[in-house]
PDB file of all heavy atoms in Angstrom:
ATOM      1  N   ASP A   1     147.379  -3.063 106.908  1.00  0.00           N
ATOM      2  CA  ASP A   1     147.339  -3.161 105.455  1.00  0.00           C
ATOM      3  C   ASP A   1     145.927  -3.156 104.895  1.00  0.00           C
ATOM      4  O   ASP A   1     145.230  -4.146 104.929  1.00  0.00           O
ATOM      5  CB  ASP A   1     148.057  -4.450 105.039  1.00  0.00           C
ATOM      6  CG  ASP A   1     148.234  -4.534 103.542  1.00  0.00           C
ATOM      7  OD1 ASP A   1     147.856  -3.579 102.862  1.00  0.00           O
ATOM      8  OD2 ASP A   1     148.745  -5.543 103.068  1.00  0.00           O
ATOM      9  N   SER A   2     145.542  -2.017 104.361  1.00  0.00           N
ATOM     10  CA  SER A   2     144.299  -1.962 103.603  1.00  0.00           C
ATOM     11  C   SER A   2     144.593  -2.077 102.120  1.00  0.00           C
ATOM     12  O   SER A   2     143.740  -1.929 101.284  1.00  0.00           O
ATOM     13  CB  SER A   2     143.583  -0.633 103.873  1.00  0.00           C
ATOM     14  OG  SER A   2     144.420   0.445 103.515  1.00  0.00           O
ATOM     15  N   LYS A   3     145.731  -2.346 101.769  1.00  0.00           N
ATOM     16  CA  LYS A   3     146.431  -2.464 100.494  1.00  0.00           C
ATOM     17  C   LYS A   3     145.710  -1.994  99.224  1.00  0.00           C
ATOM     18  O   LYS A   3     144.991  -2.734  98.571  1.00  0.00           O
ATOM     19  CB  LYS A   3     146.903  -3.885 100.291  1.00  0.00           C
ATOM     20  CG  LYS A   3     147.941  -3.949  99.200  1.00  0.00           C
ATOM     21  CD  LYS A   3     148.602  -5.277  99.114  1.00  0.00           C
ATOM     22  CE  LYS A   3     149.622  -5.180  97.998  1.00  0.00           C
ATOM     23  NZ  LYS A   3     150.088  -6.437  97.568  1.00  0.00           N
ATOM     24  N   LYS A   4     145.882  -0.754  98.896  1.00  0.00           N
ATOM     25  CA  LYS A   4     145.549  -0.241  97.582  1.00  0.00           C
ATOM     26  C   LYS A   4     144.093  -0.443  97.185  1.00  0.00           C
ATOM     27  O   LYS A   4     143.790  -0.674  96.036  1.00  0.00           O
ATOM     28  CB  LYS A   4     146.473  -0.874  96.532  1.00  0.00           C
ATOM     29  CG  LYS A   4     147.940  -0.580  96.769  1.00  0.00           C
ATOM     30  CD  LYS A   4     148.835  -1.309  95.825  1.00  0.00           C
ATOM     31  CE  LYS A   4     149.133  -2.705  96.264  1.00  0.00           C
ATOM     32  NZ  LYS A   4     149.883  -2.880  97.479  1.00  0.00           N
ATOM     33  N   THR A   5     143.172  -0.364  98.138  1.00  0.00           N
ATOM     34  CA  THR A   5     141.778  -0.627  97.796  1.00  0.00           C
ATOM     35  C   THR A   5     141.215   0.441  96.865  1.00  0.00           C
ATOM     36  O   THR A   5     140.293   0.170  96.103  1.00  0.00           O
ATOM     37  CB  THR A   5     140.918  -0.678  99.068  1.00  0.00           C
ATOM     38  OG1 THR A   5     141.149   0.489  99.845  1.00  0.00           O
ATOM     39  CG2 THR A   5     141.260  -1.906  99.889  1.00  0.00           C
ATOM     40  N   ALA A   6     141.753   1.637  96.918  1.00  0.00           N
ATOM     41  CA  ALA A   6     141.262   2.679  96.015  1.00  0.00           C
ATOM     42  C   ALA A   6     141.795   2.464  94.605  1.00  0.00           C
ATOM     43  O   ALA A   6     141.059   2.523  93.627  1.00  0.00           O
ATOM     44  CB  ALA A   6     141.685   4.053  96.531  1.00  0.00           C
ATOM     45  N   GLN A   7     143.104   2.164  94.514  1.00  0.00           N
ATOM     46  CA  GLN A   7     143.707   2.013  93.191  1.00  0.00           C
ATOM     47  C   GLN A   7     143.197   0.788  92.446  1.00  0.00           C
ATOM     48  O   GLN A   7     143.136   0.779  91.235  1.00  0.00           O
ATOM     49  CB  GLN A   7     145.224   1.908  93.325  1.00  0.00           C
ATOM     50  CG  GLN A   7     145.895   3.174  93.819  1.00  0.00           C
ATOM     51  CD  GLN A   7     147.398   3.012  93.848  1.00  0.00           C
ATOM     52  OE1 GLN A   7     147.983   2.527  92.886  1.00  0.00           O
ATOM     53  NE2 GLN A   7     148.009   3.390  94.943  1.00  0.00           N
ATOM     54  N   GLU A   8     142.838  -0.251  93.200  1.00  0.00           N
ATOM     55  CA  GLU A   8     142.529  -1.507  92.545  1.00  0.00           C
ATOM     56  C   GLU A   8     141.301  -1.414  91.652  1.00  0.00           C
ATOM     57  O   GLU A   8     141.092  -2.238  90.783  1.00  0.00           O
ATOM     58  CB  GLU A   8     142.351  -2.613  93.574  1.00  0.00           C
ATOM     59  CG  GLU A   8     141.058  -2.532  94.357  1.00  0.00           C
ATOM     60  CD  GLU A   8     140.949  -3.642  95.395  1.00  0.00           C
ATOM     61  OE1 GLU A   8     141.919  -4.380  95.557  1.00  0.00           O
ATOM     62  OE2 GLU A   8     139.900  -3.741  96.028  1.00  0.00           O
ATOM     63  N   GLU A   9     140.449  -0.388  91.883  1.00  0.00           N
ATOM     64  CA  GLU A   9     139.224  -0.294  91.115  1.00  0.00           C
ATOM     65  C   GLU A   9     139.355   0.669  89.931  1.00  0.00           C
ATOM     66  O   GLU A   9     138.361   0.978  89.282  1.00  0.00           O
ATOM     67  CB  GLU A   9     138.082   0.119  92.039  1.00  0.00           C
ATOM     68  CG  GLU A   9     137.833  -0.915  93.138  1.00  0.00           C
ATOM     69  CD  GLU A   9     136.584  -0.622  93.950  1.00  0.00           C
ATOM     70  OE1 GLU A   9     135.677   0.020  93.408  1.00  0.00           O
ATOM     71  OE2 GLU A   9     136.542  -1.029  95.113  1.00  0.00           O
ATOM     72  N   LEU A  10     140.556   1.161  89.684  1.00  0.00           N
ATOM     73  CA  LEU A  10     140.735   2.048  88.543  1.00  0.00           C
ATOM     74  C   LEU A  10     140.385   1.319  87.255  1.00  0.00           C
ATOM     75  O   LEU A  10     140.849   0.201  87.029  1.00  0.00           O
ATOM     76  CB  LEU A  10     142.184   2.540  88.480  1.00  0.00           C
ATOM     77  CG  LEU A  10     142.608   3.533  89.577  1.00  0.00           C
ATOM     78  CD1 LEU A  10     144.092   3.817  89.461  1.00  0.00           C
ATOM     79  CD2 LEU A  10     141.816   4.815  89.467  1.00  0.00           C
ATOM     80  N   PRO A  11     139.591   1.920  86.387  1.00  0.00           N
ATOM     81  CA  PRO A  11     139.181   1.253  85.151  1.00  0.00           C
ATOM     82  C   PRO A  11     140.323   0.731  84.293  1.00  0.00           C
ATOM     83  O   PRO A  11     140.184  -0.347  83.716  1.00  0.00           O
ATOM     84  CB  PRO A  11     138.378   2.348  84.421  1.00  0.00           C
ATOM     85  CG  PRO A  11     137.870   3.232  85.510  1.00  0.00           C
ATOM     86  CD  PRO A  11     138.950   3.218  86.559  1.00  0.00           C
ATOM     87  N   PRO A  12     141.478   1.429  84.179  1.00  0.00           N
ATOM     88  CA  PRO A  12     142.539   0.902  83.309  1.00  0.00           C
ATOM     89  C   PRO A  12     142.988  -0.509  83.674  1.00  0.00           C
ATOM     90  O   PRO A  12     143.424  -1.266  82.818  1.00  0.00           O
ATOM     91  CB  PRO A  12     143.680   1.909  83.498  1.00  0.00           C
ATOM     92  CG  PRO A  12     142.992   3.175  83.869  1.00  0.00           C
ATOM     93  CD  PRO A  12     141.833   2.750  84.712  1.00  0.00           C
ATOM     94  N   TYR A  13     142.875  -0.887  84.960  1.00  0.00           N
ATOM     95  CA  TYR A  13     143.311  -2.224  85.364  1.00  0.00           C
ATOM     96  C   TYR A  13     142.484  -3.289  84.652  1.00  0.00           C
ATOM     97  O   TYR A  13     143.017  -4.187  84.001  1.00  0.00           O
ATOM     98  CB  TYR A  13     143.194  -2.367  86.877  1.00  0.00           C
ATOM     99  CG  TYR A  13     143.483  -3.782  87.357  1.00  0.00           C
ATOM    100  CD1 TYR A  13     144.776  -4.276  87.356  1.00  0.00           C
ATOM    101  CD2 TYR A  13     142.461  -4.625  87.774  1.00  0.00           C
ATOM    102  CE1 TYR A  13     145.052  -5.576  87.772  1.00  0.00           C
ATOM    103  CE2 TYR A  13     142.716  -5.917  88.202  1.00  0.00           C
ATOM    104  CZ  TYR A  13     144.014  -6.387  88.193  1.00  0.00           C
ATOM    105  OH  TYR A  13     144.270  -7.663  88.596  1.00  0.00           O
ATOM    106  N   THR A  14     141.172  -3.195  84.748  1.00  0.00           N
ATOM    107  CA  THR A  14     140.331  -4.207  84.114  1.00  0.00           C
ATOM    108  C   THR A  14     140.290  -4.047  82.594  1.00  0.00           C
ATOM    109  O   THR A  14     140.173  -5.034  81.874  1.00  0.00           O
ATOM    110  CB  THR A  14     138.905  -4.150  84.686  1.00  0.00           C
ATOM    111  OG1 THR A  14     138.412  -2.816  84.607  1.00  0.00           O
ATOM    112  CG2 THR A  14     138.885  -4.605  86.134  1.00  0.00           C
ATOM    113  N   GLU A  15     140.414  -2.818  82.122  1.00  0.00           N
ATOM    114  CA  GLU A  15     140.425  -2.605  80.665  1.00  0.00           C
ATOM    115  C   GLU A  15     141.633  -3.291  80.032  1.00  0.00           C
ATOM    116  O   GLU A  15     141.536  -3.891  78.954  1.00  0.00           O
ATOM    117  CB  GLU A  15     140.449  -1.108  80.350  1.00  0.00           C
ATOM    118  CG  GLU A  15     139.125  -0.414  80.575  1.00  0.00           C
ATOM    119  CD  GLU A  15     139.202   1.079  80.323  1.00  0.00           C
ATOM    120  OE1 GLU A  15     140.243   1.532  79.782  1.00  0.00           O
ATOM    121  OE2 GLU A  15     138.244   1.786  80.681  1.00  0.00           O
ATOM    122  N   THR A  16     142.796  -3.211  80.699  1.00  0.00           N
ATOM    123  CA  THR A  16     144.001  -3.862  80.182  1.00  0.00           C
ATOM    124  C   THR A  16     143.815  -5.367  80.106  1.00  0.00           C
ATOM    125  O   THR A  16     144.246  -6.016  79.143  1.00  0.00           O
ATOM    126  CB  THR A  16     145.209  -3.527  81.086  1.00  0.00           C
ATOM    127  OG1 THR A  16     145.369  -2.120  81.166  1.00  0.00           O
ATOM    128  CG2 THR A  16     146.487  -4.139  80.531  1.00  0.00           C
ATOM    129  N   ILE A  17     143.150  -5.931  81.105  1.00  0.00           N
ATOM    130  CA  ILE A  17     142.907  -7.376  81.105  1.00  0.00           C
ATOM    131  C   ILE A  17     141.945  -7.758  79.985  1.00  0.00           C
ATOM    132  O   ILE A  17     142.149  -8.752  79.271  1.00  0.00           O
ATOM    133  CB  ILE A  17     142.368  -7.823  82.475  1.00  0.00           C
ATOM    134  CG1 ILE A  17     143.434  -7.591  83.553  1.00  0.00           C
ATOM    135  CG2 ILE A  17     141.950  -9.294  82.451  1.00  0.00           C
ATOM    136  CD1 ILE A  17     142.927  -7.729  84.965  1.00  0.00           C
ATOM    137  N   LEU A  18     140.893  -6.970  79.799  1.00  0.00           N
ATOM    138  CA  LEU A  18     139.925  -7.265  78.741  1.00  0.00           C
ATOM    139  C   LEU A  18     140.534  -7.161  77.351  1.00  0.00           C
ATOM    140  O   LEU A  18     140.075  -7.817  76.409  1.00  0.00           O
ATOM    141  CB  LEU A  18     138.722  -6.329  78.861  1.00  0.00           C
ATOM    142  CG  LEU A  18     137.823  -6.554  80.080  1.00  0.00           C
ATOM    143  CD1 LEU A  18     136.790  -5.440  80.194  1.00  0.00           C
ATOM    144  CD2 LEU A  18     137.137  -7.911  80.006  1.00  0.00           C
ATOM    145  N   LYS A  19     141.584  -6.348  77.218  1.00  0.00           N
ATOM    146  CA  LYS A  19     142.249  -6.190  75.923  1.00  0.00           C
ATOM    147  C   LYS A  19     143.409  -7.162  75.730  1.00  0.00           C
ATOM    148  O   LYS A  19     144.057  -7.160  74.690  1.00  0.00           O
ATOM    149  CB  LYS A  19     142.777  -4.754  75.788  1.00  0.00           C
ATOM    150  CG  LYS A  19     141.676  -3.711  75.659  1.00  0.00           C
ATOM    151  CD  LYS A  19     142.271  -2.308  75.609  1.00  0.00           C
ATOM    152  CE  LYS A  19     141.168  -1.259  75.516  1.00  0.00           C
ATOM    153  NZ  LYS A  19     141.734   0.128  75.547  1.00  0.00           N
ATOM    154  N   SER A  20     143.684  -7.983  76.737  1.00  0.00           N
ATOM    155  CA  SER A  20     144.816  -8.908  76.653  1.00  0.00           C
ATOM    156  C   SER A  20     144.574  -9.985  75.609  1.00  0.00           C
ATOM    157  O   SER A  20     143.429 -10.261  75.211  1.00  0.00           O
ATOM    158  CB  SER A  20     145.051  -9.569  78.016  1.00  0.00           C
ATOM    159  OG  SER A  20     143.993 -10.470  78.325  1.00  0.00           O
ATOM    160  N   ALA A  21     145.667 -10.614  75.173  1.00  0.00           N
ATOM    161  CA  ALA A  21     145.563 -11.683  74.176  1.00  0.00           C
ATOM    162  C   ALA A  21     144.742 -12.852  74.708  1.00  0.00           C
ATOM    163  O   ALA A  21     143.993 -13.496  73.961  1.00  0.00           O
ATOM    164  CB  ALA A  21     146.969 -12.158  73.788  1.00  0.00           C
ATOM    165  N   VAL A  22     144.860 -13.141  76.004  1.00  0.00           N
ATOM    166  CA  VAL A  22     144.096 -14.249  76.584  1.00  0.00           C
ATOM    167  C   VAL A  22     142.606 -13.949  76.556  1.00  0.00           C
ATOM    168  O   VAL A  22     141.793 -14.778  76.108  1.00  0.00           O
ATOM    169  CB  VAL A  22     144.564 -14.540  78.023  1.00  0.00           C
ATOM    170  CG1 VAL A  22     143.592 -15.488  78.733  1.00  0.00           C
ATOM    171  CG2 VAL A  22     145.967 -15.148  78.013  1.00  0.00           C
ATOM    172  N   SER A  23     142.194 -12.769  77.025  1.00  0.00           N
ATOM    173  CA  SER A  23     140.768 -12.412  77.025  1.00  0.00           C
ATOM    174  C   SER A  23     140.202 -12.399  75.613  1.00  0.00           C
ATOM    175  O   SER A  23     139.102 -12.913  75.355  1.00  0.00           O
ATOM    176  CB  SER A  23     140.563 -11.040  77.682  1.00  0.00           C
ATOM    177  OG  SER A  23     140.781 -11.095  79.069  1.00  0.00           O
ATOM    178  N   GLN A  24     140.950 -11.817  74.688  1.00  0.00           N
ATOM    179  CA  GLN A  24     140.448 -11.742  73.319  1.00  0.00           C
ATOM    180  C   GLN A  24     140.362 -13.118  72.672  1.00  0.00           C
ATOM    181  O   GLN A  24     139.453 -13.383  71.883  1.00  0.00           O
ATOM    182  CB  GLN A  24     141.346 -10.809  72.504  1.00  0.00           C
ATOM    183  CG  GLN A  24     141.225  -9.350  72.953  1.00  0.00           C
ATOM    184  CD  GLN A  24     142.044  -8.394  72.107  1.00  0.00           C
ATOM    185  OE1 GLN A  24     142.937  -8.805  71.382  1.00  0.00           O
ATOM    186  NE2 GLN A  24     141.752  -7.116  72.222  1.00  0.00           N
ATOM    187  N   SER A  25     141.288 -14.005  73.006  1.00  0.00           N
ATOM    188  CA  SER A  25     141.227 -15.366  72.474  1.00  0.00           C
ATOM    189  C   SER A  25     140.012 -16.112  73.012  1.00  0.00           C
ATOM    190  O   SER A  25     139.338 -16.846  72.279  1.00  0.00           O
ATOM    191  CB  SER A  25     142.507 -16.133  72.831  1.00  0.00           C
ATOM    192  OG  SER A  25     143.633 -15.552  72.207  1.00  0.00           O
ATOM    193  N   ILE A  26     139.726 -15.942  74.306  1.00  0.00           N
ATOM    194  CA  ILE A  26     138.546 -16.583  74.894  1.00  0.00           C
ATOM    195  C   ILE A  26     137.281 -16.061  74.223  1.00  0.00           C
ATOM    196  O   ILE A  26     136.376 -16.832  73.865  1.00  0.00           O
ATOM    197  CB  ILE A  26     138.505 -16.332  76.416  1.00  0.00           C
ATOM    198  CG1 ILE A  26     139.660 -17.063  77.119  1.00  0.00           C
ATOM    199  CG2 ILE A  26     137.168 -16.770  77.005  1.00  0.00           C
ATOM    200  CD1 ILE A  26     139.825 -16.704  78.584  1.00  0.00           C
ATOM    201  N   THR A  27     137.220 -14.754  74.021  1.00  0.00           N
ATOM    202  CA  THR A  27     136.035 -14.150  73.406  1.00  0.00           C
ATOM    203  C   THR A  27     135.865 -14.615  71.962  1.00  0.00           C
ATOM    204  O   THR A  27     134.774 -15.023  71.544  1.00  0.00           O
ATOM    205  CB  THR A  27     136.140 -12.623  73.442  1.00  0.00           C
ATOM    206  OG1 THR A  27     136.266 -12.195  74.806  1.00  0.00           O
ATOM    207  CG2 THR A  27     134.911 -11.972  72.831  1.00  0.00           C
ATOM    208  N   TYR A  28     136.950 -14.580  71.191  1.00  0.00           N
ATOM    209  CA  TYR A  28     136.856 -14.859  69.755  1.00  0.00           C
ATOM    210  C   TYR A  28     136.682 -16.347  69.470  1.00  0.00           C
ATOM    211  O   TYR A  28     135.845 -16.750  68.663  1.00  0.00           O
ATOM    212  CB  TYR A  28     138.107 -14.328  69.049  1.00  0.00           C
ATOM    213  CG  TYR A  28     138.078 -14.520  67.553  1.00  0.00           C
ATOM    214  CD1 TYR A  28     137.341 -13.650  66.743  1.00  0.00           C
ATOM    215  CD2 TYR A  28     138.776 -15.562  66.952  1.00  0.00           C
ATOM    216  CE1 TYR A  28     137.303 -13.820  65.365  1.00  0.00           C
ATOM    217  CE2 TYR A  28     138.743 -15.742  65.580  1.00  0.00           C
ATOM    218  CZ  TYR A  28     138.008 -14.870  64.793  1.00  0.00           C
ATOM    219  OH  TYR A  28     137.958 -15.047  63.431  1.00  0.00           O
ATOM    220  N   HIS A  29     137.466 -17.184  70.140  1.00  0.00           N
ATOM    221  CA  HIS A  29     137.474 -18.608  69.796  1.00  0.00           C
ATOM    222  C   HIS A  29     136.464 -19.435  70.586  1.00  0.00           C
ATOM    223  O   HIS A  29     136.063 -20.504  70.130  1.00  0.00           O
ATOM    224  CB  HIS A  29     138.878 -19.180  69.998  1.00  0.00           C
ATOM    225  CG  HIS A  29     139.909 -18.575  69.098  1.00  0.00           C
ATOM    226  ND1 HIS A  29     139.948 -18.823  67.739  1.00  0.00           N
ATOM    227  CD2 HIS A  29     140.929 -17.715  69.353  1.00  0.00           C
ATOM    228  CE1 HIS A  29     140.948 -18.157  67.195  1.00  0.00           C
ATOM    229  NE2 HIS A  29     141.562 -17.472  68.151  1.00  0.00           N
ATOM    230  N   LEU A  30     136.064 -18.940  71.758  1.00  0.00           N
ATOM    231  CA  LEU A  30     135.114 -19.701  72.560  1.00  0.00           C
ATOM    232  C   LEU A  30     133.755 -19.012  72.658  1.00  0.00           C
ATOM    233  O   LEU A  30     132.842 -19.508  73.311  1.00  0.00           O
ATOM    234  CB  LEU A  30     135.674 -19.925  73.973  1.00  0.00           C
ATOM    235  CG  LEU A  30     137.028 -20.642  74.052  1.00  0.00           C
ATOM    236  CD1 LEU A  30     137.449 -20.814  75.506  1.00  0.00           C
ATOM    237  CD2 LEU A  30     136.961 -22.003  73.360  1.00  0.00           C
ATOM    238  N   GLY A  31     133.645 -17.856  72.033  1.00  0.00           N
ATOM    239  CA  GLY A  31     132.368 -17.162  72.038  1.00  0.00           C
ATOM    240  C   GLY A  31     132.105 -16.326  73.271  1.00  0.00           C
ATOM    241  O   GLY A  31     131.032 -15.747  73.408  1.00  0.00           O
ATOM    242  N   GLY A  32     133.069 -16.322  74.206  1.00  0.00           N
ATOM    243  CA  GLY A  32     132.931 -15.501  75.401  1.00  0.00           C
ATOM    244  C   GLY A  32     131.675 -15.859  76.188  1.00  0.00           C
ATOM    245  O   GLY A  32     131.092 -16.914  76.002  1.00  0.00           O
ATOM    246  N   PRO A  33     131.228 -14.993  77.095  1.00  0.00           N
ATOM    247  CA  PRO A  33     131.932 -13.768  77.480  1.00  0.00           C
ATOM    248  C   PRO A  33     133.003 -14.056  78.531  1.00  0.00           C
ATOM    249  O   PRO A  33     132.956 -15.078  79.196  1.00  0.00           O
ATOM    250  CB  PRO A  33     130.816 -12.917  78.094  1.00  0.00           C
ATOM    251  CG  PRO A  33     129.900 -13.935  78.712  1.00  0.00           C
ATOM    252  CD  PRO A  33     129.953 -15.135  77.807  1.00  0.00           C
ATOM    253  N   VAL A  34     133.941 -13.147  78.630  1.00  0.00           N
ATOM    254  CA  VAL A  34     134.938 -13.269  79.691  1.00  0.00           C
ATOM    255  C   VAL A  34     134.354 -12.701  80.975  1.00  0.00           C
ATOM    256  O   VAL A  34     133.330 -12.022  80.974  1.00  0.00           O
ATOM    257  CB  VAL A  34     136.244 -12.528  79.324  1.00  0.00           C
ATOM    258  CG1 VAL A  34     136.898 -13.160  78.111  1.00  0.00           C
ATOM    259  CG2 VAL A  34     135.985 -11.044  79.078  1.00  0.00           C
ATOM    260  N   THR A  35     135.027 -12.998  82.085  1.00  0.00           N
ATOM    261  CA  THR A  35     134.593 -12.488  83.381  1.00  0.00           C
ATOM    262  C   THR A  35     134.550 -10.960  83.355  1.00  0.00           C
ATOM    263  O   THR A  35     135.457 -10.301  82.858  1.00  0.00           O
ATOM    264  CB  THR A  35     135.560 -12.965  84.479  1.00  0.00           C
ATOM    265  OG1 THR A  35     135.551 -14.393  84.487  1.00  0.00           O
ATOM    266  CG2 THR A  35     135.143 -12.456  85.838  1.00  0.00           C
ATOM    267  N   GLN A  36     133.481 -10.408  83.887  1.00  0.00           N
ATOM    268  CA  GLN A  36     133.260  -8.964  83.818  1.00  0.00           C
ATOM    269  C   GLN A  36     134.067  -8.210  84.879  1.00  0.00           C
ATOM    270  O   GLN A  36     134.457  -8.777  85.910  1.00  0.00           O
ATOM    271  CB  GLN A  36     131.773  -8.671  83.973  1.00  0.00           C
ATOM    272  CG  GLN A  36     130.946  -9.202  82.815  1.00  0.00           C
ATOM    273  CD  GLN A  36     131.449  -8.695  81.466  1.00  0.00           C
ATOM    274  OE1 GLN A  36     131.420  -7.491  81.192  1.00  0.00           O
ATOM    275  NE2 GLN A  36     131.926  -9.601  80.623  1.00  0.00           N
ATOM    276  N   PRO A  37     134.332  -6.912  84.637  1.00  0.00           N
ATOM    277  CA  PRO A  37     135.196  -6.133  85.529  1.00  0.00           C
ATOM    278  C   PRO A  37     134.791  -6.167  87.003  1.00  0.00           C
ATOM    279  O   PRO A  37     135.640  -6.284  87.873  1.00  0.00           O
ATOM    280  CB  PRO A  37     135.098  -4.716  84.957  1.00  0.00           C
ATOM    281  CG  PRO A  37     134.873  -4.937  83.494  1.00  0.00           C
ATOM    282  CD  PRO A  37     133.994  -6.145  83.408  1.00  0.00           C
ATOM    283  N   SER A  38     133.504  -6.080  87.292  1.00  0.00           N
ATOM    284  CA  SER A  38     133.087  -6.077  88.698  1.00  0.00           C
ATOM    285  C   SER A  38     133.457  -7.391  89.380  1.00  0.00           C
ATOM    286  O   SER A  38     133.871  -7.406  90.551  1.00  0.00           O
ATOM    287  CB  SER A  38     131.579  -5.847  88.804  1.00  0.00           C
ATOM    288  OG  SER A  38     130.870  -6.866  88.105  1.00  0.00           O
ATOM    289  N   THR A  39     133.350  -8.504  88.651  1.00  0.00           N
ATOM    290  CA  THR A  39     133.724  -9.802  89.212  1.00  0.00           C
ATOM    291  C   THR A  39     135.238  -9.909  89.368  1.00  0.00           C
ATOM    292  O   THR A  39     135.733 -10.488  90.339  1.00  0.00           O
ATOM    293  CB  THR A  39     133.205 -10.951  88.323  1.00  0.00           C
ATOM    294  OG1 THR A  39     131.796 -10.801  88.146  1.00  0.00           O
ATOM    295  CG2 THR A  39     133.500 -12.304  88.945  1.00  0.00           C
TER     296      THR A  39
END
């Protein structure tokens, strides 16, 4: 099992998380920043 190591780095994965209600709430109400895609 090398499990999806290529797919896991596709930009849409982290972009969807950054656009989520949780990420946006952290950014807006706590001043951010949220954890970055590479992390």
